[in-house]
């Protein structure tokens, strides 16, 4: 007759079963997370689970130091010295703009699960506010 397993063996078996079940239950759609810590060491809490850099991809424009080239011109502008040639004019725009703001603690972010990976990863797509 086999003996009764030790409590540690029973708990280990239960934990193994839980891990198998959870691994099969992938998130099926987008979810909302809340930023707990700003980049560069980003932490986002989703479904009460903290996600860190190893779990996340992040859209570049949400990170500090993101640079985008802007080209165009301003809309009509009146002003200047009052001379006729400055009455209505535009200014050309052709320069790099570097964003210095970033995700702050308490910010709601949209998370998209990424499938086909060995581990569960999420893409931080955007931030938003509840209206």
N, C-alpha and C. Protein backbone atom coordinates (compact mmCIF):
# COMPACT_ATOMS: atom_id res chain seq x y z
N UNK A 1 0.84 -1.18 0.00
CA UNK A 1 0.00 0.00 0.00
C UNK A 1 0.89 1.24 0.00
N UNK A 2 0.56 2.14 -0.92
CA UNK A 2 1.34 3.37 -1.03
C UNK A 2 1.01 4.29 0.14
N UNK A 3 2.03 4.99 0.61
CA UNK A 3 1.83 5.91 1.72
C UNK A 3 1.17 7.20 1.26
N UNK A 4 0.70 7.93 2.19
CA UNK A 4 0.10 9.23 1.91
C UNK A 4 1.24 10.19 1.58
N UNK A 5 1.10 10.95 0.45
CA UNK A 5 2.19 11.87 0.09
C UNK A 5 2.35 12.97 1.14
N UNK A 6 3.57 13.46 1.21
CA UNK A 6 3.86 14.56 2.13
C UNK A 6 3.12 15.81 1.66
N UNK A 7 2.86 16.72 2.58
CA UNK A 7 2.15 17.96 2.25
C UNK A 7 2.88 18.74 1.16
N UNK A 8 4.21 18.76 1.20
CA UNK A 8 4.97 19.50 0.19
C UNK A 8 4.79 18.89 -1.19
N UNK A 9 4.68 17.56 -1.26
CA UNK A 9 4.46 16.91 -2.55
C UNK A 9 3.05 17.24 -3.08
N UNK A 10 2.08 17.27 -2.21
CA UNK A 10 0.71 17.59 -2.62
C UNK A 10 0.62 19.03 -3.12
N UNK A 11 1.24 19.93 -2.40
CA UNK A 11 1.22 21.34 -2.80
C UNK A 11 1.95 21.51 -4.13
N UNK A 12 3.09 20.86 -4.30
CA UNK A 12 3.83 20.94 -5.56
C UNK A 12 2.99 20.44 -6.72
N UNK A 13 2.25 19.36 -6.51
CA UNK A 13 1.39 18.82 -7.57
C UNK A 13 0.27 19.80 -7.92
N UNK A 14 -0.32 20.43 -6.91
CA UNK A 14 -1.38 21.42 -7.14
C UNK A 14 -0.83 22.62 -7.92
N UNK A 15 0.34 23.09 -7.54
CA UNK A 15 0.95 24.23 -8.22
C UNK A 15 1.25 23.87 -9.68
N UNK A 16 1.74 22.66 -9.93
CA UNK A 16 1.99 22.23 -11.31
C UNK A 16 0.70 22.23 -12.13
N UNK A 17 -0.38 21.75 -11.57
CA UNK A 17 -1.67 21.74 -12.26
C UNK A 17 -2.13 23.17 -12.54
N UNK A 18 -1.98 24.06 -11.56
CA UNK A 18 -2.38 25.46 -11.75
C UNK A 18 -1.58 26.11 -12.87
N UNK A 19 -0.28 25.86 -12.94
CA UNK A 19 0.55 26.44 -13.98
C UNK A 19 0.13 25.94 -15.37
N UNK A 20 -0.20 24.66 -15.48
CA UNK A 20 -0.65 24.11 -16.76
C UNK A 20 -1.97 24.77 -17.19
N UNK A 21 -2.89 24.93 -16.26
CA UNK A 21 -4.19 25.54 -16.58
C UNK A 21 -4.00 26.99 -16.99
N UNK A 22 -3.22 27.75 -16.24
CA UNK A 22 -3.01 29.17 -16.52
C UNK A 22 -2.30 29.35 -17.86
N UNK A 23 -1.33 28.50 -18.16
CA UNK A 23 -0.60 28.61 -19.42
C UNK A 23 -1.53 28.44 -20.62
N UNK A 24 -2.55 27.62 -20.48
CA UNK A 24 -3.51 27.40 -21.56
C UNK A 24 -4.54 28.52 -21.68
N UNK A 25 -4.65 29.37 -20.67
CA UNK A 25 -5.64 30.44 -20.68
C UNK A 25 -4.99 31.76 -21.05
N UNK A 26 -4.77 31.98 -22.34
CA UNK A 26 -4.18 33.23 -22.80
C UNK A 26 -5.23 34.33 -22.83
N UNK A 27 -4.85 35.56 -22.54
CA UNK A 27 -5.80 36.67 -22.65
C UNK A 27 -6.31 36.76 -24.08
N UNK A 28 -7.57 37.01 -24.27
CA UNK A 28 -8.18 36.99 -25.60
C UNK A 28 -8.35 38.37 -26.22
N UNK A 29 -8.14 39.42 -25.50
CA UNK A 29 -8.33 40.74 -26.08
C UNK A 29 -7.51 41.78 -25.35
N UNK A 30 -7.66 43.01 -25.77
CA UNK A 30 -6.95 44.12 -25.15
C UNK A 30 -7.39 44.29 -23.71
N UNK A 31 -6.48 44.79 -22.89
CA UNK A 31 -6.82 45.09 -21.50
C UNK A 31 -6.22 46.42 -21.09
N UNK A 32 -6.73 46.94 -20.02
CA UNK A 32 -6.24 48.21 -19.49
C UNK A 32 -5.33 47.91 -18.31
N UNK A 33 -4.18 48.56 -18.32
CA UNK A 33 -3.25 48.47 -17.20
C UNK A 33 -3.04 49.86 -16.62
N UNK A 34 -2.48 49.90 -15.44
CA UNK A 34 -2.17 51.18 -14.77
C UNK A 34 -0.67 51.24 -14.54
N UNK A 35 -0.05 52.33 -14.97
CA UNK A 35 1.39 52.51 -14.79
C UNK A 35 1.67 52.67 -13.30
N UNK A 36 2.60 51.86 -12.80
CA UNK A 36 3.04 51.98 -11.41
C UNK A 36 4.40 52.67 -11.32
N UNK A 37 5.23 52.49 -12.37
CA UNK A 37 6.56 53.10 -12.38
C UNK A 37 6.87 53.55 -13.80
N UNK A 38 7.38 54.77 -13.92
CA UNK A 38 7.69 55.35 -15.23
C UNK A 38 8.89 54.67 -15.87
N UNK A 39 8.99 54.77 -17.23
CA UNK A 39 10.21 54.30 -17.89
C UNK A 39 11.41 55.08 -17.36
N UNK A 40 12.60 54.53 -17.40
CA UNK A 40 13.01 53.38 -18.21
C UNK A 40 12.71 52.02 -17.58
N UNK A 41 12.46 51.94 -16.31
CA UNK A 41 12.12 50.66 -15.66
C UNK A 41 10.60 50.60 -15.51
N UNK A 42 9.90 50.51 -16.62
CA UNK A 42 8.44 50.57 -16.66
C UNK A 42 7.82 49.39 -15.91
N UNK A 43 6.82 49.70 -15.08
CA UNK A 43 6.00 48.69 -14.43
C UNK A 43 4.54 49.08 -14.65
N UNK A 44 3.78 48.13 -15.21
CA UNK A 44 2.35 48.32 -15.47
C UNK A 44 1.61 47.20 -14.76
N UNK A 45 0.58 47.55 -13.98
CA UNK A 45 -0.22 46.53 -13.28
C UNK A 45 -1.47 46.26 -14.12
N UNK A 46 -1.65 44.97 -14.47
CA UNK A 46 -2.83 44.54 -15.24
C UNK A 46 -3.39 43.29 -14.57
N UNK A 47 -4.69 43.31 -14.31
CA UNK A 47 -5.33 42.18 -13.60
C UNK A 47 -4.59 41.84 -12.31
N UNK A 48 -4.15 42.89 -11.63
CA UNK A 48 -3.45 42.78 -10.36
C UNK A 48 -2.10 42.06 -10.47
N UNK A 49 -1.52 42.02 -11.68
CA UNK A 49 -0.21 41.41 -11.91
C UNK A 49 0.73 42.50 -12.39
N UNK A 50 1.88 42.68 -11.73
CA UNK A 50 2.83 43.69 -12.21
C UNK A 50 3.59 43.17 -13.43
N UNK A 51 3.57 43.94 -14.51
CA UNK A 51 4.31 43.62 -15.73
C UNK A 51 5.51 44.55 -15.80
N UNK A 52 6.68 44.00 -16.06
CA UNK A 52 7.91 44.78 -16.10
C UNK A 52 8.47 44.78 -17.52
N UNK A 53 9.62 45.42 -17.70
CA UNK A 53 10.23 45.52 -19.02
C UNK A 53 10.34 44.17 -19.73
N UNK A 54 10.60 43.11 -19.00
CA UNK A 54 10.76 41.79 -19.63
C UNK A 54 9.45 41.28 -20.20
N UNK A 55 8.32 41.84 -19.76
CA UNK A 55 6.99 41.41 -20.21
C UNK A 55 6.40 42.34 -21.28
N UNK A 56 7.07 43.46 -21.55
CA UNK A 56 6.42 44.53 -22.32
C UNK A 56 7.20 44.96 -23.55
N UNK A 57 6.47 45.29 -24.58
CA UNK A 57 6.92 46.13 -25.68
C UNK A 57 6.20 47.46 -25.43
N UNK A 58 6.79 48.56 -25.91
CA UNK A 58 6.16 49.86 -25.68
C UNK A 58 6.28 50.70 -26.93
N UNK A 59 5.21 51.34 -27.34
CA UNK A 59 5.26 52.25 -28.48
C UNK A 59 6.28 53.34 -28.20
N UNK A 60 7.12 53.61 -29.19
CA UNK A 60 8.24 54.55 -29.01
C UNK A 60 7.80 55.92 -28.54
N UNK A 61 6.69 56.42 -29.06
CA UNK A 61 6.30 57.79 -28.74
C UNK A 61 5.87 57.96 -27.28
N UNK A 62 5.71 56.87 -26.54
CA UNK A 62 5.36 56.96 -25.12
C UNK A 62 6.60 57.08 -24.23
N UNK A 63 7.78 56.95 -24.83
CA UNK A 63 9.03 56.97 -24.06
C UNK A 63 9.70 58.35 -24.15
N UNK A 64 10.37 58.77 -23.07
CA UNK A 64 11.06 60.06 -23.12
C UNK A 64 12.21 59.99 -24.13
N UNK A 65 12.46 61.10 -24.81
CA UNK A 65 13.54 61.14 -25.78
C UNK A 65 13.12 60.70 -27.17
N UNK A 66 11.83 60.42 -27.38
CA UNK A 66 11.35 60.05 -28.71
C UNK A 66 11.45 61.26 -29.62
N UNK A 67 12.07 61.08 -30.79
CA UNK A 67 12.26 62.17 -31.73
C UNK A 67 11.51 61.88 -33.01
N UNK A 68 10.81 62.87 -33.51
CA UNK A 68 10.07 62.77 -34.77
C UNK A 68 10.40 64.00 -35.60
N UNK A 69 10.59 63.78 -36.91
CA UNK A 69 10.85 64.90 -37.81
C UNK A 69 9.53 65.51 -38.24
N UNK A 70 9.44 66.83 -38.13
CA UNK A 70 8.22 67.56 -38.47
C UNK A 70 8.53 68.48 -39.65
N UNK A 71 7.67 68.42 -40.68
CA UNK A 71 7.87 69.25 -41.87
C UNK A 71 6.52 69.86 -42.26
N UNK A 72 6.52 71.12 -42.62
CA UNK A 72 5.29 71.80 -43.01
C UNK A 72 5.47 73.29 -42.85
N UNK A 73 4.39 73.94 -42.49
CA UNK A 73 4.46 75.37 -42.23
C UNK A 73 3.34 75.75 -41.28
N UNK A 74 3.54 76.89 -40.63
CA UNK A 74 2.52 77.38 -39.71
C UNK A 74 1.35 77.93 -40.50
N UNK A 75 0.24 78.13 -39.84
CA UNK A 75 -0.89 78.80 -40.49
C UNK A 75 -0.61 80.29 -40.55
N UNK A 76 -1.45 81.00 -41.30
CA UNK A 76 -1.25 82.45 -41.45
C UNK A 76 -1.14 83.11 -40.08
N UNK A 77 -0.19 84.03 -39.98
CA UNK A 77 0.07 84.72 -38.72
C UNK A 77 0.19 86.21 -39.00
N UNK A 78 -0.52 86.99 -38.27
CA UNK A 78 -0.39 88.45 -38.40
C UNK A 78 0.58 88.94 -37.34
N UNK A 79 1.18 90.05 -37.59
CA UNK A 79 2.06 90.62 -36.57
C UNK A 79 3.33 91.15 -37.16
N UNK A 80 4.35 91.18 -36.38
CA UNK A 80 5.63 91.73 -36.81
C UNK A 80 5.70 93.20 -36.49
N UNK A 81 6.40 93.92 -37.34
CA UNK A 81 6.65 95.34 -37.08
C UNK A 81 5.48 96.23 -37.48
N UNK A 82 4.48 95.67 -38.14
CA UNK A 82 3.37 96.48 -38.64
C UNK A 82 3.55 96.83 -40.10
N UNK A 83 4.72 96.52 -40.66
CA UNK A 83 4.96 96.76 -42.08
C UNK A 83 4.08 95.83 -42.90
N UNK A 84 3.71 96.25 -44.10
CA UNK A 84 2.79 95.50 -44.95
C UNK A 84 3.30 94.10 -45.26
N UNK A 85 4.61 93.94 -45.47
CA UNK A 85 5.15 92.63 -45.84
C UNK A 85 5.03 91.60 -44.70
N UNK A 86 4.78 92.07 -43.49
CA UNK A 86 4.64 91.15 -42.34
C UNK A 86 3.19 90.99 -41.90
N UNK A 87 2.26 91.61 -42.63
CA UNK A 87 0.86 91.60 -42.21
C UNK A 87 0.30 90.19 -42.06
N UNK A 88 0.48 89.36 -43.07
CA UNK A 88 0.02 87.98 -43.00
C UNK A 88 1.13 87.11 -43.57
N UNK A 89 1.65 86.19 -42.77
CA UNK A 89 2.77 85.38 -43.23
C UNK A 89 2.77 84.01 -42.56
N UNK A 90 3.58 83.13 -43.07
CA UNK A 90 3.74 81.78 -42.52
C UNK A 90 5.22 81.52 -42.27
N UNK A 91 5.45 80.56 -41.37
CA UNK A 91 6.82 80.15 -41.07
C UNK A 91 7.00 78.70 -41.48
N UNK A 92 8.10 78.38 -42.18
CA UNK A 92 8.35 76.98 -42.53
C UNK A 92 8.75 76.18 -41.29
N UNK A 93 8.40 74.90 -41.31
CA UNK A 93 8.80 73.97 -40.25
C UNK A 93 9.52 72.81 -40.91
N UNK A 94 10.74 72.54 -40.49
CA UNK A 94 11.52 71.42 -41.01
C UNK A 94 12.58 71.09 -39.98
N UNK A 95 12.15 70.43 -38.91
CA UNK A 95 13.09 70.16 -37.83
C UNK A 95 12.66 68.93 -37.02
N UNK A 96 13.58 68.45 -36.22
CA UNK A 96 13.30 67.33 -35.33
C UNK A 96 12.67 67.86 -34.05
N UNK A 97 11.65 67.16 -33.58
CA UNK A 97 11.01 67.47 -32.30
C UNK A 97 11.24 66.30 -31.37
N UNK A 98 11.81 66.54 -30.21
CA UNK A 98 12.05 65.48 -29.23
C UNK A 98 11.07 65.65 -28.09
N UNK A 99 10.33 64.57 -27.83
CA UNK A 99 9.34 64.58 -26.76
C UNK A 99 10.03 64.23 -25.45
N UNK A 100 9.73 64.99 -24.42
CA UNK A 100 10.37 64.76 -23.12
C UNK A 100 9.40 64.17 -22.10
N UNK A 101 8.10 64.17 -22.41
CA UNK A 101 7.14 63.60 -21.46
C UNK A 101 7.13 62.08 -21.61
N UNK A 102 6.55 61.39 -20.64
CA UNK A 102 6.50 59.93 -20.66
C UNK A 102 5.33 59.46 -19.81
N UNK A 103 5.17 58.18 -19.71
CA UNK A 103 4.12 57.59 -18.88
C UNK A 103 4.40 57.87 -17.41
N UNK A 104 3.39 58.28 -16.69
CA UNK A 104 3.52 58.60 -15.28
C UNK A 104 2.70 57.63 -14.44
N UNK A 105 3.10 57.37 -13.19
CA UNK A 105 2.31 56.49 -12.32
C UNK A 105 0.85 56.97 -12.26
N UNK A 106 -0.06 56.01 -12.35
CA UNK A 106 -1.49 56.29 -12.33
C UNK A 106 -2.10 56.41 -13.72
N UNK A 107 -1.27 56.47 -14.76
CA UNK A 107 -1.77 56.59 -16.13
C UNK A 107 -2.36 55.26 -16.59
N UNK A 108 -3.54 55.31 -17.20
CA UNK A 108 -4.15 54.11 -17.79
C UNK A 108 -3.53 53.89 -19.17
N UNK A 109 -3.14 52.64 -19.45
CA UNK A 109 -2.56 52.30 -20.75
C UNK A 109 -3.30 51.12 -21.36
N UNK A 110 -3.31 51.09 -22.69
CA UNK A 110 -3.94 49.99 -23.42
C UNK A 110 -2.88 48.93 -23.69
N UNK A 111 -3.16 47.70 -23.27
CA UNK A 111 -2.25 46.57 -23.45
C UNK A 111 -2.84 45.59 -24.45
N UNK A 112 -2.05 45.20 -25.44
CA UNK A 112 -2.46 44.19 -26.41
C UNK A 112 -1.59 42.96 -26.18
N UNK A 113 -2.20 41.79 -25.93
CA UNK A 113 -1.40 40.58 -25.76
C UNK A 113 -0.73 40.19 -27.09
N UNK A 114 0.48 39.70 -27.01
CA UNK A 114 1.24 39.24 -28.18
C UNK A 114 1.30 37.73 -28.11
N UNK A 115 0.81 37.08 -29.15
CA UNK A 115 0.76 35.62 -29.20
C UNK A 115 1.94 35.06 -29.97
N UNK A 116 2.17 33.76 -29.80
CA UNK A 116 3.22 33.08 -30.54
C UNK A 116 4.59 33.19 -29.90
N UNK A 117 4.64 33.60 -28.67
CA UNK A 117 5.90 33.72 -27.95
C UNK A 117 5.99 32.57 -26.94
N UNK A 118 7.20 32.31 -26.45
CA UNK A 118 7.36 31.31 -25.41
C UNK A 118 6.78 31.79 -24.09
N UNK A 119 6.81 33.10 -23.88
CA UNK A 119 6.21 33.68 -22.68
C UNK A 119 5.14 34.67 -23.09
N UNK A 120 4.30 35.05 -22.18
CA UNK A 120 3.24 36.00 -22.48
C UNK A 120 3.82 37.41 -22.46
N UNK A 121 3.70 38.11 -23.58
CA UNK A 121 4.17 39.48 -23.70
C UNK A 121 3.00 40.38 -24.01
N UNK A 122 3.17 41.68 -23.73
CA UNK A 122 2.13 42.67 -23.99
C UNK A 122 2.74 43.89 -24.65
N UNK A 123 1.97 44.53 -25.52
CA UNK A 123 2.40 45.77 -26.16
C UNK A 123 1.63 46.92 -25.51
N UNK A 124 2.38 47.88 -24.96
CA UNK A 124 1.77 49.10 -24.43
C UNK A 124 1.55 50.01 -25.63
N UNK A 125 0.29 50.12 -26.06
CA UNK A 125 -0.04 50.78 -27.31
C UNK A 125 -0.25 52.28 -27.13
N UNK A 126 -0.96 52.65 -26.10
CA UNK A 126 -1.33 54.05 -25.95
C UNK A 126 -1.73 54.30 -24.50
N UNK A 127 -1.86 55.56 -24.16
CA UNK A 127 -2.37 55.92 -22.84
C UNK A 127 -3.67 56.68 -23.03
N UNK A 128 -4.48 56.73 -22.00
CA UNK A 128 -5.75 57.41 -22.14
C UNK A 128 -6.34 57.79 -20.79
N UNK A 129 -7.45 58.46 -20.86
CA UNK A 129 -8.18 58.87 -19.67
C UNK A 129 -9.63 58.50 -19.83
N UNK A 130 -10.30 58.19 -18.76
CA UNK A 130 -11.74 57.89 -18.75
C UNK A 130 -12.50 59.20 -18.78
N UNK A 131 -13.41 59.32 -19.71
CA UNK A 131 -14.21 60.55 -19.82
C UNK A 131 -15.49 60.42 -19.00
